[in-house]
Amino acid sequence: MRPEIAVLDIQGQYRVYTELHRAHGAEKTIILINGSLATTASFAQTVRSLHPQFNVVLYDQPYAGKSKPHNRQERLLTKETEAHILLELIEHFQADHVLSFSWGGACTLLALAHQPRLVKKAIVSSFSPVINEPMRDYLERGCEYLAACDRYQVGNLVNDTIGKHLPSLFKRFNYRHVSSLDSHEYAQMLFHINQVLQHDLARALKGAANIDIPVLFINGDRDEYTTADDARQFGHHVRRSHFSVINGAGHFLDMEHKSASEALRDVMCGFLKPTSHESRQRSHYTQGHHALAI
């Protein structure tokens, strides 16, 4: 079934391309948040894992993908602005859950710190509160290549570092995508990297103390850039933290091979499965609703 496509106006400032993969009979809706330089296309495998158990929402940031033609690109967006866009989308789609990948975790944690009333659980994948040496090297080289708008080097950098465990087909797709982006997308990524290198993560972590829902952090055991051990540092900041490691997976998790995809699906669906308390609440509501209908 084709997704329902809409370009939404966000407070008269931004236009955001969205896809709703509606599932007949699904009771919950989840929004997926892209990593840097990525678009809705990068979540193809994740959608297959979550649909039709959930209604799944994808979107492109105003500067990226299919949102680009609808925005003037007159200014760079902060992670706080991206967080407020996410909060608007949560309200619009009445989302129960959110799931982020890589640097999408930054705006996701900022949004969750506002305690959106609808969101009950969140998953943050391939993200870490620690800038370790491999990640610092990746970011610093990224700054150099992005500032020079060196498309060849940017494309190769991604594949040689965080994308090193991707299959060759995905690496070719990744290179074509990353090396063909507009200059304003490189400028946007450079802006975010500079924020991170200037210890901007500390501000996001301080706000994370306000998060009052369960958050599952998922990392691959072969990911040396956002390691599972480093991710556990979130436990000092997010009160209801949970952690899971996907064996045999690097940074890109379900895009790398079938067993990683299956393992990620099981972990995600297991975490998002309603608890017995939530099931009793839903059963009580359903019985009451039927009584009124009769």
C-alpha atoms as a PDB file:
ATOM      1  CA  MET A   1       0.000   0.000   0.000  1.00  0.00           C
ATOM      2  CA  ARG A   2       1.299   3.442  -0.918  1.00  0.00           C
ATOM      3  CA  PRO A   3       1.974   5.869   1.923  1.00  0.00           C
ATOM      4  CA  GLU A   4      -0.217   8.905   2.473  1.00  0.00           C
ATOM      5  CA  ILE A   5       1.908  11.896   1.470  1.00  0.00           C
ATOM      6  CA  ALA A   6       1.482  15.423   2.802  1.00  0.00           C
ATOM      7  CA  VAL A   7       3.584  18.573   3.000  1.00  0.00           C
ATOM      8  CA  LEU A   8       2.775  20.169   6.337  1.00  0.00           C
ATOM      9  CA  ASP A   9       3.092  23.796   7.341  1.00  0.00           C
ATOM     10  CA  ILE A  10       4.990  24.152  10.614  1.00  0.00           C
ATOM     11  CA  GLN A  11       4.016  27.429  12.311  1.00  0.00           C
ATOM     12  CA  GLY A  12       4.177  29.302   9.014  1.00  0.00           C
ATOM     13  CA  GLN A  13       7.971  28.969   8.898  1.00  0.00           C
ATOM     14  CA  TYR A  14       8.759  25.564   7.424  1.00  0.00           C
ATOM     15  CA  ARG A  15       7.191  23.103   5.036  1.00  0.00           C
ATOM     16  CA  VAL A  16       7.847  19.460   5.897  1.00  0.00           C
ATOM     17  CA  TYR A  17       7.347  16.491   3.574  1.00  0.00           C
ATOM     18  CA  THR A  18       5.775  13.533   5.391  1.00  0.00           C
ATOM     19  CA  GLU A  19       4.804   9.953   4.607  1.00  0.00           C
ATOM     20  CA  LEU A  20       2.260   8.064   6.678  1.00  0.00           C
ATOM     21  CA  HIS A  21       2.385   4.292   6.244  1.00  0.00           C
ATOM     22  CA  ARG A  22      -1.024   3.529   7.684  1.00  0.00           C
ATOM     23  CA  ALA A  23      -1.709   0.001   8.912  1.00  0.00           C
ATOM     24  CA  HIS A  24      -5.260  -1.279   9.143  1.00  0.00           C
ATOM     25  CA  GLY A  25      -6.027  -2.162  12.742  1.00  0.00           C
ATOM     26  CA  ALA A  26      -2.800  -0.709  14.184  1.00  0.00           C
ATOM     27  CA  GLU A  27      -3.423   1.050  17.487  1.00  0.00           C
ATOM     28  CA  LYS A  28      -0.094   2.863  17.788  1.00  0.00           C
ATOM     29  CA  THR A  29       1.790   5.365  15.619  1.00  0.00           C
ATOM     30  CA  ILE A  30       5.571   5.798  15.547  1.00  0.00           C
ATOM     31  CA  ILE A  31       7.589   8.651  14.006  1.00  0.00           C
ATOM     32  CA  LEU A  32      11.083   7.937  12.635  1.00  0.00           C
ATOM     33  CA  ILE A  33      13.772  10.655  12.809  1.00  0.00           C
ATOM     34  CA  ASN A  34      16.591  10.650  10.221  1.00  0.00           C
ATOM     35  CA  GLY A  35      20.280  10.931  10.869  1.00  0.00           C
ATOM     36  CA  SER A  36      22.367  13.713   9.290  1.00  0.00           C
ATOM     37  CA  LEU A  37      22.462  13.960   5.493  1.00  0.00           C
ATOM     38  CA  ALA A  38      19.752  11.262   5.345  1.00  0.00           C
ATOM     39  CA  THR A  39      16.205  11.213   3.973  1.00  0.00           C
ATOM     40  CA  THR A  40      13.094   9.092   4.341  1.00  0.00           C
ATOM     41  CA  ALA A  41      14.624   6.567   1.913  1.00  0.00           C
ATOM     42  CA  SER A  42      17.142   5.476   4.555  1.00  0.00           C
ATOM     43  CA  PHE A  43      14.363   3.993   6.698  1.00  0.00           C
ATOM     44  CA  ALA A  44      13.021   1.563   4.080  1.00  0.00           C
ATOM     45  CA  GLN A  45      14.117  -1.537   6.011  1.00  0.00           C
ATOM     46  CA  THR A  46      12.955  -0.131   9.361  1.00  0.00           C
ATOM     47  CA  VAL A  47       9.488   0.537   7.947  1.00  0.00           C
ATOM     48  CA  ARG A  48       9.266  -3.090   6.849  1.00  0.00           C
ATOM     49  CA  SER A  49      10.169  -4.163  10.390  1.00  0.00           C
ATOM     50  CA  LEU A  50       7.556  -1.957  12.099  1.00  0.00           C
ATOM     51  CA  HIS A  51       4.665  -2.052   9.617  1.00  0.00           C
ATOM     52  CA  PRO A  52       1.901  -3.282   9.896  1.00  0.00           C
ATOM     53  CA  GLN A  53       2.249  -3.585  13.688  1.00  0.00           C
ATOM     54  CA  PHE A  54       2.345   0.230  13.772  1.00  0.00           C
ATOM     55  CA  ASN A  55       1.338   3.204  11.698  1.00  0.00           C
ATOM     56  CA  VAL A  56       4.743   4.573  10.639  1.00  0.00           C
ATOM     57  CA  VAL A  57       5.507   8.233   9.902  1.00  0.00           C
ATOM     58  CA  LEU A  58       8.601   9.408   8.003  1.00  0.00           C
ATOM     59  CA  TYR A  59       9.634  12.980   7.287  1.00  0.00           C
ATOM     60  CA  ASP A  60      12.430  15.032   5.767  1.00  0.00           C
ATOM     61  CA  GLN A  61      13.950  18.012   7.537  1.00  0.00           C
ATOM     62  CA  PRO A  62      13.161  21.335   5.780  1.00  0.00           C
ATOM     63  CA  TYR A  63      16.665  21.429   4.250  1.00  0.00           C
ATOM     64  CA  ALA A  64      16.693  17.816   3.013  1.00  0.00           C
ATOM     65  CA  GLY A  65      15.060  15.306   0.685  1.00  0.00           C
ATOM     66  CA  LYS A  66      11.567  16.033  -0.561  1.00  0.00           C
ATOM     67  CA  SER A  67      11.126  18.949   1.847  1.00  0.00           C
ATOM     68  CA  LYS A  68      13.876  20.929   0.068  1.00  0.00           C
ATOM     69  CA  PRO A  69      11.788  22.305  -2.817  1.00  0.00           C
ATOM     70  CA  HIS A  70       9.218  23.713  -0.381  1.00  0.00           C
ATOM     71  CA  ASN A  71      11.658  25.816   1.672  1.00  0.00           C
ATOM     72  CA  ARG A  72      13.877  28.795   0.822  1.00  0.00           C
ATOM     73  CA  GLN A  73      16.951  27.648   2.795  1.00  0.00           C
ATOM     74  CA  GLU A  74      17.545  31.160   4.092  1.00  0.00           C
ATOM     75  CA  ARG A  75      18.938  30.098   7.474  1.00  0.00           C
ATOM     76  CA  LEU A  76      20.550  27.153   9.179  1.00  0.00           C
ATOM     77  CA  LEU A  77      18.439  25.142  11.610  1.00  0.00           C
ATOM     78  CA  THR A  78      19.519  24.470  15.174  1.00  0.00           C
ATOM     79  CA  LYS A  79      18.815  21.147  16.869  1.00  0.00           C
ATOM     80  CA  GLU A  80      16.325  23.041  19.056  1.00  0.00           C
ATOM     81  CA  THR A  81      14.386  24.093  15.949  1.00  0.00           C
ATOM     82  CA  GLU A  82      14.434  20.501  14.684  1.00  0.00           C
ATOM     83  CA  ALA A  83      13.127  19.405  18.103  1.00  0.00           C
ATOM     84  CA  HIS A  84      10.196  21.820  17.870  1.00  0.00           C
ATOM     85  CA  ILE A  85       9.398  20.554  14.363  1.00  0.00           C
ATOM     86  CA  LEU A  86       9.330  17.024  15.784  1.00  0.00           C
ATOM     87  CA  LEU A  87       7.006  18.130  18.598  1.00  0.00           C
ATOM     88  CA  GLU A  88       4.611  19.606  16.014  1.00  0.00           C
ATOM     89  CA  LEU A  89       4.649  16.352  14.035  1.00  0.00           C
ATOM     90  CA  ILE A  90       3.994  14.310  17.176  1.00  0.00           C
ATOM     91  CA  GLU A  91       0.859  16.364  17.805  1.00  0.00           C
ATOM     92  CA  HIS A  92      -0.268  16.286  14.175  1.00  0.00           C
ATOM     93  CA  PHE A  93       0.036  12.510  13.811  1.00  0.00           C
ATOM     94  CA  GLN A  94      -0.946  11.758  17.434  1.00  0.00           C
ATOM     95  CA  ALA A  95       2.219   9.682  17.754  1.00  0.00           C
ATOM     96  CA  ASP A  96       2.679   7.278  20.654  1.00  0.00           C
ATOM     97  CA  HIS A  97       6.342   6.476  19.964  1.00  0.00           C
ATOM     98  CA  VAL A  98       9.434   7.978  18.335  1.00  0.00           C
ATOM     99  CA  LEU A  99      12.515   6.261  16.927  1.00  0.00           C
ATOM    100  CA  SER A 100      15.694   8.088  15.929  1.00  0.00           C
ATOM    101  CA  PHE A 101      18.834   7.072  14.082  1.00  0.00           C
ATOM    102  CA  SER A 102      22.350   8.448  14.671  1.00  0.00           C
ATOM    103  CA  TRP A 103      22.459  12.277  14.968  1.00  0.00           C
ATOM    104  CA  GLY A 104      18.672  12.353  14.836  1.00  0.00           C
ATOM    105  CA  GLY A 105      18.993  11.332  18.484  1.00  0.00           C
ATOM    106  CA  ALA A 106      20.060  14.861  19.453  1.00  0.00           C
ATOM    107  CA  CYS A 107      16.849  16.620  18.399  1.00  0.00           C
ATOM    108  CA  THR A 108      14.834  13.629  19.650  1.00  0.00           C
ATOM    109  CA  LEU A 109      16.215  13.923  23.191  1.00  0.00           C
ATOM    110  CA  LEU A 110      15.650  17.683  23.107  1.00  0.00           C
ATOM    111  CA  ALA A 111      12.033  17.112  22.062  1.00  0.00           C
ATOM    112  CA  LEU A 112      11.452  14.454  24.724  1.00  0.00           C
ATOM    113  CA  ALA A 113      12.768  16.864  27.369  1.00  0.00           C
ATOM    114  CA  HIS A 114       9.592  18.902  26.704  1.00  0.00           C
ATOM    115  CA  GLN A 115       7.610  15.853  27.882  1.00  0.00           C
ATOM    116  CA  PRO A 116       5.204  15.625  24.911  1.00  0.00           C
ATOM    117  CA  ARG A 117       1.935  14.363  26.379  1.00  0.00           C
ATOM    118  CA  LEU A 118       1.293  11.697  23.727  1.00  0.00           C
ATOM    119  CA  VAL A 119       4.638   9.898  23.573  1.00  0.00           C
ATOM    120  CA  LYS A 120       4.818   6.810  25.785  1.00  0.00           C
ATOM    121  CA  LYS A 121       8.123   5.217  24.680  1.00  0.00           C
ATOM    122  CA  ALA A 122      11.146   6.181  22.587  1.00  0.00           C
ATOM    123  CA  ILE A 123      13.992   4.379  20.847  1.00  0.00           C
ATOM    124  CA  VAL A 124      17.329   6.083  20.158  1.00  0.00           C
ATOM    125  CA  SER A 125      19.621   4.046  17.895  1.00  0.00           C
ATOM    126  CA  SER A 126      23.309   4.446  16.987  1.00  0.00           C
ATOM    127  CA  PHE A 127      23.808   7.484  19.208  1.00  0.00           C
ATOM    128  CA  SER A 128      26.153   8.230  22.083  1.00  0.00           C
ATOM    129  CA  PRO A 129      26.744  11.069  24.557  1.00  0.00           C
ATOM    130  CA  VAL A 130      30.517  10.584  24.152  1.00  0.00           C
ATOM    131  CA  ILE A 131      32.695  11.998  21.381  1.00  0.00           C
ATOM    132  CA  ASN A 132      35.349   9.270  21.373  1.00  0.00           C
ATOM    133  CA  GLU A 133      38.532   9.387  19.318  1.00  0.00           C
ATOM    134  CA  PRO A 134      37.171   7.623  16.179  1.00  0.00           C
ATOM    135  CA  MET A 135      34.108   9.901  16.189  1.00  0.00           C
ATOM    136  CA  ARG A 136      36.201  13.015  16.753  1.00  0.00           C
ATOM    137  CA  ASP A 137      38.450  12.094  13.825  1.00  0.00           C
ATOM    138  CA  TYR A 138      35.368  11.489  11.638  1.00  0.00           C
ATOM    139  CA  LEU A 139      33.813  14.819  12.616  1.00  0.00           C
ATOM    140  CA  GLU A 140      36.987  16.855  12.220  1.00  0.00           C
ATOM    141  CA  ARG A 141      37.703  15.435   8.781  1.00  0.00           C
ATOM    142  CA  GLY A 142      34.033  15.974   7.946  1.00  0.00           C
ATOM    143  CA  CYS A 143      34.369  19.645   8.858  1.00  0.00           C
ATOM    144  CA  GLU A 144      37.311  20.025   6.488  1.00  0.00           C
ATOM    145  CA  TYR A 145      35.594  18.332   3.542  1.00  0.00           C
ATOM    146  CA  LEU A 146      32.197  19.943   4.098  1.00  0.00           C
ATOM    147  CA  ALA A 147      33.682  23.443   4.371  1.00  0.00           C
ATOM    148  CA  ALA A 148      35.498  22.862   1.066  1.00  0.00           C
ATOM    149  CA  CYS A 149      32.348  21.317  -0.443  1.00  0.00           C
ATOM    150  CA  ASP A 150      34.568  18.400  -1.496  1.00  0.00           C
ATOM    151  CA  ARG A 151      31.889  15.953  -2.587  1.00  0.00           C
ATOM    152  CA  TYR A 152      34.316  13.137  -3.421  1.00  0.00           C
ATOM    153  CA  GLN A 153      35.909  13.237   0.015  1.00  0.00           C
ATOM    154  CA  VAL A 154      32.589  13.572   1.872  1.00  0.00           C
ATOM    155  CA  GLY A 155      31.151  10.553   0.063  1.00  0.00           C
ATOM    156  CA  ASN A 156      34.215   8.425   0.720  1.00  0.00           C
ATOM    157  CA  LEU A 157      34.506   9.553   4.345  1.00  0.00           C
ATOM    158  CA  VAL A 158      31.048   8.259   5.238  1.00  0.00           C
ATOM    159  CA  ASN A 159      31.656   4.885   3.571  1.00  0.00           C
ATOM    160  CA  ASP A 160      35.131   4.450   5.048  1.00  0.00           C
ATOM    161  CA  THR A 161      34.057   5.221   8.626  1.00  0.00           C
ATOM    162  CA  ILE A 162      30.525   4.852   9.976  1.00  0.00           C
ATOM    163  CA  GLY A 163      29.463   3.032   6.792  1.00  0.00           C
ATOM    164  CA  LYS A 164      32.379   0.575   6.698  1.00  0.00           C
ATOM    165  CA  HIS A 165      30.139  -2.451   7.437  1.00  0.00           C
ATOM    166  CA  LEU A 166      27.520  -1.667   4.770  1.00  0.00           C
ATOM    167  CA  PRO A 167      27.168  -4.049   1.800  1.00  0.00           C
ATOM    168  CA  SER A 168      28.798  -2.780  -1.403  1.00  0.00           C
ATOM    169  CA  LEU A 169      25.419  -1.979  -3.004  1.00  0.00           C
ATOM    170  CA  PHE A 170      24.447   0.229  -0.088  1.00  0.00           C
ATOM    171  CA  LYS A 171      27.868   1.902  -0.156  1.00  0.00           C
ATOM    172  CA  ARG A 172      27.363   2.828  -3.808  1.00  0.00           C
ATOM    173  CA  PHE A 173      23.912   4.220  -3.050  1.00  0.00           C
ATOM    174  CA  ASN A 174      25.315   6.060  -0.026  1.00  0.00           C
ATOM    175  CA  TYR A 175      28.131   7.599  -2.051  1.00  0.00           C
ATOM    176  CA  ARG A 176      25.804   8.783  -4.826  1.00  0.00           C
ATOM    177  CA  HIS A 177      23.457  10.336  -2.285  1.00  0.00           C
ATOM    178  CA  VAL A 178      26.010  12.041  -0.052  1.00  0.00           C
ATOM    179  CA  SER A 179      28.210  13.309  -2.906  1.00  0.00           C
ATOM    180  CA  SER A 180      25.271  14.864  -4.771  1.00  0.00           C
ATOM    181  CA  LEU A 181      23.743  16.938  -1.968  1.00  0.00           C
ATOM    182  CA  ASP A 182      23.230  20.693  -2.321  1.00  0.00           C
ATOM    183  CA  SER A 183      25.779  23.061  -0.818  1.00  0.00           C
ATOM    184  CA  HIS A 184      23.255  24.267   1.783  1.00  0.00           C
ATOM    185  CA  GLU A 185      22.965  20.682   3.075  1.00  0.00           C
ATOM    186  CA  TYR A 186      26.727  20.542   3.537  1.00  0.00           C
ATOM    187  CA  ALA A 187      26.542  23.901   5.320  1.00  0.00           C
ATOM    188  CA  GLN A 188      23.791  22.575   7.576  1.00  0.00           C
ATOM    189  CA  MET A 189      25.795  19.471   8.469  1.00  0.00           C
ATOM    190  CA  LEU A 190      28.911  21.576   9.094  1.00  0.00           C
ATOM    191  CA  PHE A 191      26.879  23.789  11.430  1.00  0.00           C
ATOM    192  CA  HIS A 192      25.672  20.773  13.432  1.00  0.00           C
ATOM    193  CA  ILE A 193      29.152  19.237  13.640  1.00  0.00           C
ATOM    194  CA  ASN A 194      30.621  22.492  14.926  1.00  0.00           C
ATOM    195  CA  GLN A 195      27.901  22.632  17.573  1.00  0.00           C
ATOM    196  CA  VAL A 196      28.754  19.105  18.686  1.00  0.00           C
ATOM    197  CA  LEU A 197      32.503  19.748  18.759  1.00  0.00           C
ATOM    198  CA  GLN A 198      31.870  22.830  20.887  1.00  0.00           C
ATOM    199  CA  HIS A 199      30.344  20.612  23.590  1.00  0.00           C
ATOM    200  CA  ASP A 200      26.762  21.250  22.558  1.00  0.00           C
ATOM    201  CA  LEU A 201      25.914  17.693  23.653  1.00  0.00           C
ATOM    202  CA  ALA A 202      26.254  18.770  27.291  1.00  0.00           C
ATOM    203  CA  ARG A 203      23.218  21.033  26.920  1.00  0.00           C
ATOM    204  CA  ALA A 204      21.137  18.248  25.417  1.00  0.00           C
ATOM    205  CA  LEU A 205      22.147  15.893  28.218  1.00  0.00           C
ATOM    206  CA  LYS A 206      21.219  18.426  30.882  1.00  0.00           C
ATOM    207  CA  GLY A 207      17.730  18.673  29.405  1.00  0.00           C
ATOM    208  CA  ALA A 208      17.497  14.870  29.186  1.00  0.00           C
ATOM    209  CA  ALA A 209      16.953  14.779  32.940  1.00  0.00           C
ATOM    210  CA  ASN A 210      13.397  15.965  32.222  1.00  0.00           C
ATOM    211  CA  ILE A 211      12.572  12.885  30.132  1.00  0.00           C
ATOM    212  CA  ASP A 212       9.993  10.852  32.047  1.00  0.00           C
ATOM    213  CA  ILE A 213       9.247   7.954  29.672  1.00  0.00           C
ATOM    214  CA  PRO A 214      11.156   4.708  28.978  1.00  0.00           C
ATOM    215  CA  VAL A 215      13.893   5.213  26.377  1.00  0.00           C
ATOM    216  CA  LEU A 216      15.669   2.298  24.718  1.00  0.00           C
ATOM    217  CA  PHE A 217      19.201   2.962  23.423  1.00  0.00           C
ATOM    218  CA  ILE A 218      20.302   0.501  20.717  1.00  0.00           C
ATOM    219  CA  ASN A 219      23.856   0.210  19.379  1.00  0.00           C
ATOM    220  CA  GLY A 220      25.774  -2.282  17.249  1.00  0.00           C
ATOM    221  CA  ASP A 221      28.626  -4.145  18.896  1.00  0.00           C
ATOM    222  CA  ARG A 222      30.864  -3.417  15.865  1.00  0.00           C
ATOM    223  CA  ASP A 223      30.155   0.329  15.924  1.00  0.00           C
ATOM    224  CA  GLU A 224      33.333   2.047  17.103  1.00  0.00           C
ATOM    225  CA  TYR A 225      31.890   5.549  16.584  1.00  0.00           C
ATOM    226  CA  THR A 226      28.822   5.368  18.825  1.00  0.00           C
ATOM    227  CA  THR A 227      29.727   2.400  20.976  1.00  0.00           C
ATOM    228  CA  ALA A 228      27.375   0.410  23.167  1.00  0.00           C
ATOM    229  CA  ASP A 229      29.590   1.105  26.200  1.00  0.00           C
ATOM    230  CA  ASP A 230      29.537   4.849  25.562  1.00  0.00           C
ATOM    231  CA  ALA A 231      25.769   4.803  25.038  1.00  0.00           C
ATOM    232  CA  ARG A 232      25.343   3.426  28.551  1.00  0.00           C
ATOM    233  CA  GLN A 233      26.412   6.837  29.814  1.00  0.00           C
ATOM    234  CA  PHE A 234      22.857   7.923  28.965  1.00  0.00           C
ATOM    235  CA  GLY A 235      21.837   6.000  32.073  1.00  0.00           C
ATOM    236  CA  HIS A 236      23.261   8.862  34.157  1.00  0.00           C
ATOM    237  CA  HIS A 237      20.958  11.360  32.450  1.00  0.00           C
ATOM    238  CA  VAL A 238      17.761   9.578  31.366  1.00  0.00           C
ATOM    239  CA  ARG A 239      16.066   8.054  34.413  1.00  0.00           C
ATOM    240  CA  ARG A 240      14.171   5.281  32.646  1.00  0.00           C
ATOM    241  CA  SER A 241      16.954   4.143  30.313  1.00  0.00           C
ATOM    242  CA  HIS A 242      17.096   0.700  28.721  1.00  0.00           C
ATOM    243  CA  PHE A 243      19.961  -0.634  26.604  1.00  0.00           C
ATOM    244  CA  SER A 244      20.318  -3.230  23.876  1.00  0.00           C
ATOM    245  CA  VAL A 245      23.227  -4.354  21.699  1.00  0.00           C
ATOM    246  CA  ILE A 246      22.835  -5.817  18.203  1.00  0.00           C
ATOM    247  CA  ASN A 247      25.560  -8.413  17.736  1.00  0.00           C
ATOM    248  CA  GLY A 248      27.458  -8.358  14.482  1.00  0.00           C
ATOM    249  CA  ALA A 249      26.184  -4.899  13.551  1.00  0.00           C
ATOM    250  CA  GLY A 250      27.987  -1.610  13.008  1.00  0.00           C
ATOM    251  CA  HIS A 251      26.585   1.914  12.934  1.00  0.00           C
ATOM    252  CA  PHE A 252      23.910   1.296  10.303  1.00  0.00           C
ATOM    253  CA  LEU A 253      22.342  -1.692  12.087  1.00  0.00           C
ATOM    254  CA  ASP A 254      19.473  -3.105   9.987  1.00  0.00           C
ATOM    255  CA  MET A 255      20.968  -1.908   6.683  1.00  0.00           C
ATOM    256  CA  GLU A 256      24.066  -4.067   7.075  1.00  0.00           C
ATOM    257  CA  HIS A 257      22.799  -7.656   6.884  1.00  0.00           C
ATOM    258  CA  LYS A 258      19.694  -9.779   7.375  1.00  0.00           C
ATOM    259  CA  SER A 259      20.452 -11.162  10.831  1.00  0.00           C
ATOM    260  CA  ALA A 260      21.082  -7.657  12.184  1.00  0.00           C
ATOM    261  CA  SER A 261      17.802  -6.517  10.660  1.00  0.00           C
ATOM    262  CA  GLU A 262      15.911  -9.383  12.270  1.00  0.00           C
ATOM    263  CA  ALA A 263      17.577  -8.823  15.636  1.00  0.00           C
ATOM    264  CA  LEU A 264      16.780  -5.095  15.527  1.00  0.00           C
ATOM    265  CA  ARG A 265      13.157  -5.816  14.630  1.00  0.00           C
ATOM    266  CA  ASP A 266      12.780  -8.188  17.578  1.00  0.00           C
ATOM    267  CA  VAL A 267      14.350  -5.730  20.011  1.00  0.00           C
ATOM    268  CA  MET A 268      12.249  -2.789  18.810  1.00  0.00           C
ATOM    269  CA  CYS A 269       8.944  -4.633  18.780  1.00  0.00           C
ATOM    270  CA  GLY A 270       9.686  -6.278  22.133  1.00  0.00           C
ATOM    271  CA  PHE A 271      10.329  -2.896  23.741  1.00  0.00           C
ATOM    272  CA  LEU A 272       7.317  -1.204  22.142  1.00  0.00           C
ATOM    273  CA  LYS A 273       4.943  -4.069  23.004  1.00  0.00           C
ATOM    274  CA  PRO A 274       2.315  -2.822  25.495  1.00  0.00           C
ATOM    275  CA  THR A 275       2.873  -3.841  29.090  1.00  0.00           C
ATOM    276  CA  SER A 276       0.182  -5.792  30.937  1.00  0.00           C
ATOM    277  CA  HIS A 277      -0.859  -2.525  32.625  1.00  0.00           C
ATOM    278  CA  GLU A 278      -1.251  -0.783  29.244  1.00  0.00           C
ATOM    279  CA  SER A 279      -3.194  -3.768  27.876  1.00  0.00           C
ATOM    280  CA  ARG A 280      -5.595  -3.645  30.834  1.00  0.00           C
ATOM    281  CA  GLN A 281      -6.112   0.067  30.266  1.00  0.00           C
ATOM    282  CA  ARG A 282      -6.843  -0.502  26.563  1.00  0.00           C
ATOM    283  CA  SER A 283      -9.213  -3.401  27.368  1.00  0.00           C
ATOM    284  CA  HIS A 284     -11.067  -1.251  29.877  1.00  0.00           C
ATOM    285  CA  TYR A 285     -11.367   1.563  27.337  1.00  0.00           C
ATOM    286  CA  THR A 286     -12.556  -0.789  24.587  1.00  0.00           C
ATOM    287  CA  GLN A 287     -15.217  -2.360  26.806  1.00  0.00           C
ATOM    288  CA  GLY A 288     -16.450   1.052  27.827  1.00  0.00           C
ATOM    289  CA  HIS A 289     -16.500   2.247  24.240  1.00  0.00           C
ATOM    290  CA  HIS A 290     -18.536  -0.771  23.113  1.00  0.00           C
ATOM    291  CA  ALA A 291     -20.981  -0.265  25.952  1.00  0.00           C
ATOM    292  CA  LEU A 292     -21.575   3.292  24.803  1.00  0.00           C
ATOM    293  CA  ALA A 293     -22.002   2.141  21.221  1.00  0.00           C
ATOM    294  CA  ILE A 294     -24.667  -0.361  22.213  1.00  0.00           C
END
